[in-house]
C-alpha atoms as a PDB file:
ATOM      1  CA  MET A   1       8.965  54.583  37.289  1.00  0.00           C
ATOM      2  CA  ILE A   2       7.371  56.870  34.348  1.00  0.00           C
ATOM      3  CA  GLY A   3       8.246  55.264  31.053  1.00  0.00           C
ATOM      4  CA  VAL A   4       7.427  57.539  27.308  1.00  0.00           C
ATOM      5  CA  ALA A   5       7.192  55.034  24.662  1.00  0.00           C
ATOM      6  CA  GLY A   6       7.898  56.940  21.058  1.00  0.00           C
ATOM      7  CA  CYS A   7      11.575  58.929  21.778  1.00  0.00           C
ATOM      8  CA  GLY A   8      10.968  60.956  18.396  1.00  0.00           C
ATOM      9  CA  ARG A   9      10.210  64.527  17.705  1.00  0.00           C
ATOM     10  CA  MET A  10       8.128  65.157  20.951  1.00  0.00           C
ATOM     11  CA  GLY A  11       9.035  62.253  23.003  1.00  0.00           C
ATOM     12  CA  ALA A  12      12.763  62.935  23.298  1.00  0.00           C
ATOM     13  CA  PRO A  13      11.953  66.407  24.967  1.00  0.00           C
ATOM     14  CA  MET A  14       9.449  65.151  26.592  1.00  0.00           C
ATOM     15  CA  LEU A  15      11.153  62.286  28.570  1.00  0.00           C
ATOM     16  CA  ALA A  16      13.931  65.034  29.441  1.00  0.00           C
ATOM     17  CA  ALA A  17      11.180  67.461  30.248  1.00  0.00           C
ATOM     18  CA  LEU A  18       9.960  64.376  33.300  1.00  0.00           C
ATOM     19  CA  ARG A  19      13.964  63.686  34.439  1.00  0.00           C
ATOM     20  CA  ASP A  20      15.049  67.535  34.931  1.00  0.00           C
ATOM     21  CA  GLY A  21      11.874  67.645  37.424  1.00  0.00           C
ATOM     22  CA  GLY A  22      13.114  65.252  39.194  1.00  0.00           C
ATOM     23  CA  THR A  23      10.633  61.987  38.287  1.00  0.00           C
ATOM     24  CA  ASN A  24      12.348  58.765  37.412  1.00  0.00           C
ATOM     25  CA  ALA A  25      11.583  58.420  34.088  1.00  0.00           C
ATOM     26  CA  ILE A  26      12.590  56.078  30.994  1.00  0.00           C
ATOM     27  CA  GLY A  27      12.270  56.082  27.620  1.00  0.00           C
ATOM     28  CA  PHE A  28      11.672  53.316  24.820  1.00  0.00           C
ATOM     29  CA  ASP A  29      11.821  53.001  21.221  1.00  0.00           C
ATOM     30  CA  VAL A  30      12.207  50.642  18.383  1.00  0.00           C
ATOM     31  CA  VAL A  31      15.210  53.220  17.047  1.00  0.00           C
ATOM     32  CA  ASP A  32      18.618  53.406  19.035  1.00  0.00           C
ATOM     33  CA  LYS A  33      18.652  57.174  20.652  1.00  0.00           C
ATOM     34  CA  ASP A  34      22.222  56.203  21.746  1.00  0.00           C
ATOM     35  CA  ALA A  35      20.992  57.945  26.038  1.00  0.00           C
ATOM     36  CA  ALA A  36      21.686  55.441  28.368  1.00  0.00           C
ATOM     37  CA  HIS A  37      18.092  56.271  29.996  1.00  0.00           C
ATOM     38  CA  ILE A  38      16.409  55.452  25.837  1.00  0.00           C
ATOM     39  CA  HIS A  39      15.759  51.468  25.601  1.00  0.00           C
ATOM     40  CA  THR A  40      15.757  49.316  22.920  1.00  0.00           C
ATOM     41  CA  ASN A  41      15.178  46.085  24.850  1.00  0.00           C
ATOM     42  CA  LEU A  42      11.927  46.140  25.743  1.00  0.00           C
ATOM     43  CA  MET A  43      12.477  44.146  29.213  1.00  0.00           C
ATOM     44  CA  GLN A  44      14.200  46.869  30.310  1.00  0.00           C
ATOM     45  CA  PHE A  45      12.054  49.624  30.041  1.00  0.00           C
ATOM     46  CA  ALA A  46       8.840  47.421  30.883  1.00  0.00           C
ATOM     47  CA  PRO A  47       9.119  45.835  33.867  1.00  0.00           C
ATOM     48  CA  HIS A  48       9.909  48.980  35.569  1.00  0.00           C
ATOM     49  CA  VAL A  49       6.808  51.226  34.562  1.00  0.00           C
ATOM     50  CA  GLU A  50       3.874  52.564  36.616  1.00  0.00           C
ATOM     51  CA  THR A  51       2.744  55.468  34.166  1.00  0.00           C
ATOM     52  CA  LEU A  52       3.362  54.818  30.934  1.00  0.00           C
ATOM     53  CA  PHE A  53       3.444  58.224  28.198  1.00  0.00           C
ATOM     54  CA  SER A  54       2.186  56.605  24.542  1.00  0.00           C
ATOM     55  CA  VAL A  55       4.047  59.076  22.239  1.00  0.00           C
ATOM     56  CA  VAL A  56       4.342  56.667  18.829  1.00  0.00           C
ATOM     57  CA  ARG A  57       3.226  57.792  15.641  1.00  0.00           C
ATOM     58  CA  ASP A  58      -0.418  56.187  14.876  1.00  0.00           C
ATOM     59  CA  ALA A  59      -2.604  53.545  15.635  1.00  0.00           C
ATOM     60  CA  ASP A  60      -0.966  50.581  14.033  1.00  0.00           C
ATOM     61  CA  GLU A  61       2.191  51.272  16.193  1.00  0.00           C
ATOM     62  CA  THR A  62       0.142  51.907  19.470  1.00  0.00           C
ATOM     63  CA  ASP A  63      -1.725  48.663  18.697  1.00  0.00           C
ATOM     64  CA  THR A  64       1.999  46.896  18.598  1.00  0.00           C
ATOM     65  CA  LEU A  65       3.072  48.860  22.153  1.00  0.00           C
ATOM     66  CA  LEU A  66       0.404  47.610  24.391  1.00  0.00           C
ATOM     67  CA  PHE A  67      -0.783  44.464  22.530  1.00  0.00           C
ATOM     68  CA  GLY A  68       0.977  43.048  20.017  1.00  0.00           C
ATOM     69  CA  ASP A  69       4.395  42.143  19.819  1.00  0.00           C
ATOM     70  CA  GLN A  70       5.823  44.805  22.393  1.00  0.00           C
ATOM     71  CA  ASN A  71       2.305  43.831  24.490  1.00  0.00           C
ATOM     72  CA  LEU A  72       3.218  46.092  27.513  1.00  0.00           C
ATOM     73  CA  MET A  73      -0.496  44.301  28.813  1.00  0.00           C
ATOM     74  CA  GLN A  74       1.481  41.350  29.698  1.00  0.00           C
ATOM     75  CA  THR A  75       5.159  42.812  29.912  1.00  0.00           C
ATOM     76  CA  ALA A  76       4.508  45.458  31.775  1.00  0.00           C
ATOM     77  CA  PRO A  77       3.117  44.001  35.407  1.00  0.00           C
ATOM     78  CA  ASN A  78       3.359  47.455  37.481  1.00  0.00           C
ATOM     79  CA  LEU A  79       1.353  49.983  35.106  1.00  0.00           C
ATOM     80  CA  THR A  80      -1.575  51.267  36.521  1.00  0.00           C
ATOM     81  CA  ARG A  81      -1.564  54.623  34.185  1.00  0.00           C
ATOM     82  CA  ILE A  82      -2.150  55.159  30.841  1.00  0.00           C
ATOM     83  CA  PHE A  83      -1.170  58.572  28.984  1.00  0.00           C
ATOM     84  CA  ILE A  84      -2.326  58.717  25.289  1.00  0.00           C
ATOM     85  CA  GLY A  85       0.083  61.118  23.691  1.00  0.00           C
ATOM     86  CA  SER A  86      -0.170  60.337  20.074  1.00  0.00           C
ATOM     87  CA  THR A  87      -3.184  62.089  17.880  1.00  0.00           C
ATOM     88  CA  LEU A  88      -5.398  58.923  16.887  1.00  0.00           C
ATOM     89  CA  SER A  89      -8.698  58.808  15.697  1.00  0.00           C
ATOM     90  CA  PRO A  90     -11.353  59.681  18.728  1.00  0.00           C
ATOM     91  CA  ARG A  91     -13.217  56.203  17.824  1.00  0.00           C
ATOM     92  CA  TYR A  92     -10.685  54.333  18.175  1.00  0.00           C
ATOM     93  CA  VAL A  93      -8.367  55.499  21.281  1.00  0.00           C
ATOM     94  CA  ARG A  94     -13.034  55.284  22.782  1.00  0.00           C
ATOM     95  CA  ASP A  95     -12.761  51.735  22.067  1.00  0.00           C
ATOM     96  CA  LEU A  96      -8.858  51.399  24.273  1.00  0.00           C
ATOM     97  CA  ARG A  97     -11.136  51.651  27.236  1.00  0.00           C
ATOM     98  CA  ALA A  98     -12.683  47.916  27.004  1.00  0.00           C
ATOM     99  CA  ARG A  99      -9.225  46.509  25.569  1.00  0.00           C
ATOM    100  CA  VAL A 100      -6.968  47.457  28.464  1.00  0.00           C
ATOM    101  CA  PRO A 101      -7.665  46.310  32.003  1.00  0.00           C
ATOM    102  CA  ASP A 102     -10.005  48.076  34.764  1.00  0.00           C
ATOM    103  CA  HIS A 103      -7.419  48.572  37.023  1.00  0.00           C
ATOM    104  CA  ILE A 104      -5.634  50.953  34.567  1.00  0.00           C
ATOM    105  CA  THR A 105      -6.398  54.647  34.323  1.00  0.00           C
ATOM    106  CA  LEU A 106      -6.391  55.868  30.904  1.00  0.00           C
ATOM    107  CA  ILE A 107      -6.154  59.861  29.875  1.00  0.00           C
ATOM    108  CA  ASP A 108      -5.921  60.842  27.268  1.00  0.00           C
ATOM    109  CA  ALA A 109      -3.340  63.899  26.762  1.00  0.00           C
ATOM    110  CA  PRO A 110      -2.673  65.035  23.480  1.00  0.00           C
ATOM    111  CA  MET A 111      -0.508  67.955  22.525  1.00  0.00           C
ATOM    112  CA  SER A 112      -0.221  70.795  20.189  1.00  0.00           C
ATOM    113  CA  GLY A 113       2.507  73.111  20.183  1.00  0.00           C
ATOM    114  CA  ALA A 114       4.832  71.128  17.870  1.00  0.00           C
ATOM    115  CA  GLN A 115       8.788  70.450  18.613  1.00  0.00           C
ATOM    116  CA  ILE A 116       9.514  73.751  19.708  1.00  0.00           C
ATOM    117  CA  ALA A 117       6.889  73.951  22.607  1.00  0.00           C
ATOM    118  CA  ALA A 118       7.944  70.294  23.367  1.00  0.00           C
ATOM    119  CA  GLN A 119      11.634  71.624  23.892  1.00  0.00           C
ATOM    120  CA  ASN A 120      10.735  74.686  25.345  1.00  0.00           C
ATOM    121  CA  ARG A 121       8.451  72.699  28.441  1.00  0.00           C
ATOM    122  CA  THR A 122       5.017  75.283  27.108  1.00  0.00           C
ATOM    123  CA  LEU A 123       2.892  72.078  25.520  1.00  0.00           C
ATOM    124  CA  THR A 124      -0.481  71.956  25.740  1.00  0.00           C
ATOM    125  CA  PHE A 125      -2.179  69.451  26.678  1.00  0.00           C
ATOM    126  CA  MET A 126      -6.084  68.654  25.725  1.00  0.00           C
ATOM    127  CA  LEU A 127      -7.382  66.029  28.254  1.00  0.00           C
ATOM    128  CA  GLY A 128     -10.004  63.387  28.459  1.00  0.00           C
ATOM    129  CA  GLY A 129     -10.796  61.230  31.516  1.00  0.00           C
ATOM    130  CA  ALA A 130     -11.860  61.690  35.064  1.00  0.00           C
ATOM    131  CA  GLN A 131     -11.934  64.922  36.434  1.00  0.00           C
ATOM    132  CA  ALA A 132      -9.932  63.211  39.958  1.00  0.00           C
ATOM    133  CA  ASP A 133      -7.587  61.845  37.630  1.00  0.00           C
ATOM    134  CA  ILE A 134      -6.973  64.770  35.999  1.00  0.00           C
ATOM    135  CA  ASP A 135      -6.115  66.566  39.269  1.00  0.00           C
ATOM    136  CA  ASP A 136      -3.952  64.289  40.025  1.00  0.00           C
ATOM    137  CA  ALA A 137      -1.921  64.173  36.272  1.00  0.00           C
ATOM    138  CA  ILE A 138      -1.627  67.978  36.237  1.00  0.00           C
ATOM    139  CA  PRO A 139       1.616  68.128  38.754  1.00  0.00           C
ATOM    140  CA  LEU A 140       3.245  65.849  36.416  1.00  0.00           C
ATOM    141  CA  LEU A 141       1.639  67.417  32.607  1.00  0.00           C
ATOM    142  CA  ALA A 142       3.498  71.254  34.215  1.00  0.00           C
ATOM    143  CA  LEU A 143       7.098  69.626  34.422  1.00  0.00           C
ATOM    144  CA  MET A 144       6.294  69.402  29.873  1.00  0.00           C
ATOM    145  CA  GLY A 145       3.668  71.894  29.259  1.00  0.00           C
ATOM    146  CA  GLN A 146       1.935  75.538  30.080  1.00  0.00           C
ATOM    147  CA  HIS A 147      -1.924  75.001  29.470  1.00  0.00           C
ATOM    148  CA  PHE A 148      -3.989  71.953  30.211  1.00  0.00           C
ATOM    149  CA  HIS A 149      -7.645  71.580  28.720  1.00  0.00           C
ATOM    150  CA  HIS A 150     -10.250  69.099  30.601  1.00  0.00           C
ATOM    151  CA  MET A 151     -12.086  68.604  27.760  1.00  0.00           C
ATOM    152  CA  GLY A 152     -14.536  65.742  29.538  1.00  0.00           C
ATOM    153  CA  ALA A 153     -14.335  61.669  29.533  1.00  0.00           C
ATOM    154  CA  PHE A 154     -11.857  60.099  28.020  1.00  0.00           C
ATOM    155  CA  GLY A 155     -11.907  60.432  24.146  1.00  0.00           C
ATOM    156  CA  MET A 156     -12.618  63.701  24.420  1.00  0.00           C
ATOM    157  CA  GLY A 157      -9.095  65.578  24.373  1.00  0.00           C
ATOM    158  CA  MET A 158      -8.599  63.445  21.267  1.00  0.00           C
ATOM    159  CA  GLN A 159     -11.752  64.979  19.812  1.00  0.00           C
ATOM    160  CA  ALA A 160     -10.653  68.175  20.635  1.00  0.00           C
ATOM    161  CA  LYS A 161      -7.079  67.684  19.386  1.00  0.00           C
ATOM    162  CA  VAL A 162      -7.899  66.171  16.406  1.00  0.00           C
ATOM    163  CA  LEU A 163      -9.773  69.720  15.649  1.00  0.00           C
ATOM    164  CA  ASN A 164      -7.610  71.370  15.818  1.00  0.00           C
ATOM    165  CA  ASN A 165      -5.222  69.808  14.227  1.00  0.00           C
ATOM    166  CA  LEU A 166      -7.527  69.971  11.176  1.00  0.00           C
ATOM    167  CA  LEU A 167      -7.487  74.051  11.683  1.00  0.00           C
ATOM    168  CA  ALA A 168      -3.481  74.132  11.881  1.00  0.00           C
ATOM    169  CA  ALA A 169      -3.147  71.522   8.473  1.00  0.00           C
ATOM    170  CA  SER A 170      -5.940  74.197   6.956  1.00  0.00           C
ATOM    171  CA  HIS A 171      -3.246  77.051   7.722  1.00  0.00           C
ATOM    172  CA  THR A 172      -0.375  74.856   6.481  1.00  0.00           C
ATOM    173  CA  ALA A 173      -1.503  74.391   3.658  1.00  0.00           C
ATOM    174  CA  MET A 174      -2.665  78.484   2.835  1.00  0.00           C
ATOM    175  CA  THR A 175      -0.196  79.998   4.580  1.00  0.00           C
ATOM    176  CA  ARG A 176       2.304  77.914   1.909  1.00  0.00           C
ATOM    177  CA  LEU A 177       0.124  78.824  -1.001  1.00  0.00           C
ATOM    178  CA  VAL A 178       0.255  82.597   0.190  1.00  0.00           C
ATOM    179  CA  LEU A 179       4.077  82.520   0.131  1.00  0.00           C
ATOM    180  CA  ASP A 180       4.078  80.795  -2.889  1.00  0.00           C
ATOM    181  CA  TRP A 181       2.094  83.537  -4.440  1.00  0.00           C
ATOM    182  CA  ALA A 182       4.325  86.014  -3.253  1.00  0.00           C
ATOM    183  CA  ASP A 183       7.454  85.053  -3.893  1.00  0.00           C
ATOM    184  CA  ALA A 184       5.962  85.227  -7.575  1.00  0.00           C
ATOM    185  CA  ALA A 185       4.645  88.349  -6.946  1.00  0.00           C
ATOM    186  CA  GLY A 186       8.267  89.356  -5.664  1.00  0.00           C
ATOM    187  CA  LEU A 187       7.329  89.939  -2.543  1.00  0.00           C
ATOM    188  CA  ASP A 188      10.128  90.298   0.600  1.00  0.00           C
ATOM    189  CA  GLN A 189       8.505  86.756   3.052  1.00  0.00           C
ATOM    190  CA  ASP A 190       9.383  88.727   6.367  1.00  0.00           C
ATOM    191  CA  ARG A 191       7.708  91.924   5.464  1.00  0.00           C
ATOM    192  CA  LEU A 192       4.426  89.625   4.712  1.00  0.00           C
ATOM    193  CA  LEU A 193       4.987  87.234   7.653  1.00  0.00           C
ATOM    194  CA  ALA A 194       5.347  90.814   9.811  1.00  0.00           C
ATOM    195  CA  LEU A 195       2.157  92.247   8.270  1.00  0.00           C
ATOM    196  CA  ILE A 196       0.511  88.725   8.286  1.00  0.00           C
ATOM    197  CA  ALA A 197       0.949  88.631  12.911  1.00  0.00           C
ATOM    198  CA  THR A 198      -0.881  91.646  13.064  1.00  0.00           C
ATOM    199  CA  SER A 199      -3.627  91.481  10.405  1.00  0.00           C
ATOM    200  CA  SER A 200      -6.658  89.994   9.839  1.00  0.00           C
ATOM    201  CA  GLY A 201      -4.304  86.880   8.322  1.00  0.00           C
ATOM    202  CA  GLN A 202      -2.847  86.030  11.769  1.00  0.00           C
ATOM    203  CA  ASN A 203      -2.194  82.516  12.145  1.00  0.00           C
ATOM    204  CA  TRP A 204       0.292  79.534  13.936  1.00  0.00           C
ATOM    205  CA  LEU A 205       2.310  78.514  11.356  1.00  0.00           C
ATOM    206  CA  ALA A 206       2.574  82.176   9.984  1.00  0.00           C
ATOM    207  CA  SER A 207       3.321  83.548  13.173  1.00  0.00           C
ATOM    208  CA  GLY A 208       5.799  80.717  14.481  1.00  0.00           C
ATOM    209  CA  TYR A 209       7.379  80.584  10.669  1.00  0.00           C
ATOM    210  CA  ASP A 210      10.897  80.173  12.525  1.00  0.00           C
ATOM    211  CA  SER A 211      10.361  78.316  14.952  1.00  0.00           C
ATOM    212  CA  ILE A 212       8.013  75.599  13.837  1.00  0.00           C
ATOM    213  CA  GLU A 213      10.487  72.447  12.729  1.00  0.00           C
ATOM    214  CA  PHE A 214       8.051  71.537   9.205  1.00  0.00           C
ATOM    215  CA  ALA A 215       7.476  75.352   8.393  1.00  0.00           C
ATOM    216  CA  ARG A 216       9.392  74.772   5.230  1.00  0.00           C
ATOM    217  CA  ASP A 217       8.815  70.941   5.011  1.00  0.00           C
ATOM    218  CA  GLY A 218       7.807  69.125   1.782  1.00  0.00           C
ATOM    219  CA  TYR A 219       5.946  65.688   2.476  1.00  0.00           C
ATOM    220  CA  ALA A 220       7.632  62.386   3.840  1.00  0.00           C
ATOM    221  CA  ASN A 221       5.741  60.386   5.401  1.00  0.00           C
ATOM    222  CA  ASP A 222       8.602  59.809   8.535  1.00  0.00           C
ATOM    223  CA  ASN A 223       7.929  63.837   9.088  1.00  0.00           C
ATOM    224  CA  SER A 224       5.722  66.244  10.550  1.00  0.00           C
ATOM    225  CA  ILE A 225       4.030  67.547   7.663  1.00  0.00           C
ATOM    226  CA  GLY A 226       2.968  63.512   6.970  1.00  0.00           C
ATOM    227  CA  ILE A 227       2.208  63.058  10.639  1.00  0.00           C
ATOM    228  CA  LEU A 228      -0.192  66.126   9.686  1.00  0.00           C
ATOM    229  CA  VAL A 229      -1.833  64.289   6.504  1.00  0.00           C
ATOM    230  CA  LYS A 230      -2.275  61.179   9.122  1.00  0.00           C
ATOM    231  CA  ASP A 231      -3.768  63.549  11.759  1.00  0.00           C
ATOM    232  CA  VAL A 232      -6.388  64.764   9.156  1.00  0.00           C
ATOM    233  CA  ALA A 233      -7.623  61.352   8.850  1.00  0.00           C
ATOM    234  CA  ALA A 234      -8.269  60.810  11.991  1.00  0.00           C
ATOM    235  CA  ALA A 235      -9.825  63.789  12.241  1.00  0.00           C
ATOM    236  CA  LEU A 236     -12.124  62.451   9.394  1.00  0.00           C
ATOM    237  CA  ASP A 237     -12.407  59.352  11.064  1.00  0.00           C
ATOM    238  CA  ALA A 238     -14.425  60.895  13.495  1.00  0.00           C
ATOM    239  CA  ALA A 239     -16.082  63.257  11.720  1.00  0.00           C
ATOM    240  CA  PRO A 240     -20.014  63.218  11.620  1.00  0.00           C
ATOM    241  CA  PRO A 241     -22.144  61.191   9.577  1.00  0.00           C
ATOM    242  CA  ASP A 242     -23.754  63.340   7.553  1.00  0.00           C
ATOM    243  CA  ALA A 243     -21.176  65.684   7.020  1.00  0.00           C
ATOM    244  CA  ASP A 244     -19.591  67.478   4.190  1.00  0.00           C
ATOM    245  CA  GLN A 245     -16.143  66.157   4.519  1.00  0.00           C
ATOM    246  CA  SER A 246     -15.005  67.512   0.388  1.00  0.00           C
ATOM    247  CA  LEU A 247     -12.821  70.826   2.322  1.00  0.00           C
ATOM    248  CA  PRO A 248     -10.753  68.483   4.790  1.00  0.00           C
ATOM    249  CA  LYS A 249      -9.879  66.204   1.536  1.00  0.00           C
ATOM    250  CA  VAL A 250      -8.345  68.977  -0.506  1.00  0.00           C
ATOM    251  CA  VAL A 251      -6.775  70.224   2.850  1.00  0.00           C
ATOM    252  CA  GLN A 252      -4.936  66.900   3.005  1.00  0.00           C
ATOM    253  CA  SER A 253      -3.991  66.100  -0.352  1.00  0.00           C
ATOM    254  CA  THR A 254      -2.526  69.974  -0.476  1.00  0.00           C
ATOM    255  CA  ILE A 255       0.130  69.226   2.253  1.00  0.00           C
ATOM    256  CA  ARG A 256       0.438  65.779   1.643  1.00  0.00           C
ATOM    257  CA  ALA A 257       1.770  67.775  -2.707  1.00  0.00           C
ATOM    258  CA  LEU A 258       3.839  70.377  -0.341  1.00  0.00           C
ATOM    259  CA  THR A 259       7.467  70.325  -1.507  1.00  0.00           C
ATOM    260  CA  PRO A 260      10.336  71.885   0.349  1.00  0.00           C
ATOM    261  CA  ARG A 261      10.841  75.524   0.903  1.00  0.00           C
ATOM    262  CA  HIS A 262      14.192  76.878   0.625  1.00  0.00           C
END
């Protein structure tokens, strides 16, 4: 049986895609989702799971799931494969290999595309792991996504993801600033976004402004802007020892200061 832990903005549509694809899949979340196949009782979930997709928020929740209060290392005796889908520090992810029993296959499989891509089953996966393990995983991942990039050994998928999200955070910060300045100048937002889509300023947030769920949000700890702030921190944790971190830190503080855009 396949289990999805963390059935929020990303996990819930991923679970739906797995179930619609004909797999025997169930979910687990600490918040009641009012769905018969998503459990809040761990013991209705853990003993049945053989393949786990972990899509919880951060490293603390991952630790709780795998080793802490939920402790799937003990409560899921049939577990043989784990996909780490959350965006976490690559350093933390690499260290998981020494903490998880050797008989359990570990694949880092963070996703890109936001909630809209999860709902449309067009996610992009950045993958780290042995080639044979990745080859075996692709048919399952194809139920949820369209693009699969094997970046190297375990941990390299996460390394690629945090660098990708660092760019996404910079696009978010600058696109929102540009739109605010356009407002002040009396420039029509829709016309400007149409221009950006066909010009040198083109970027993912601007091109998907009407469909990306967090494009107009302000910062909150539990929303996608808050998660993006967390993702920049994950990138900074994996920065080269002598790297200049000043620009990523400015981007992080800028998106933390965002207010809702109407």
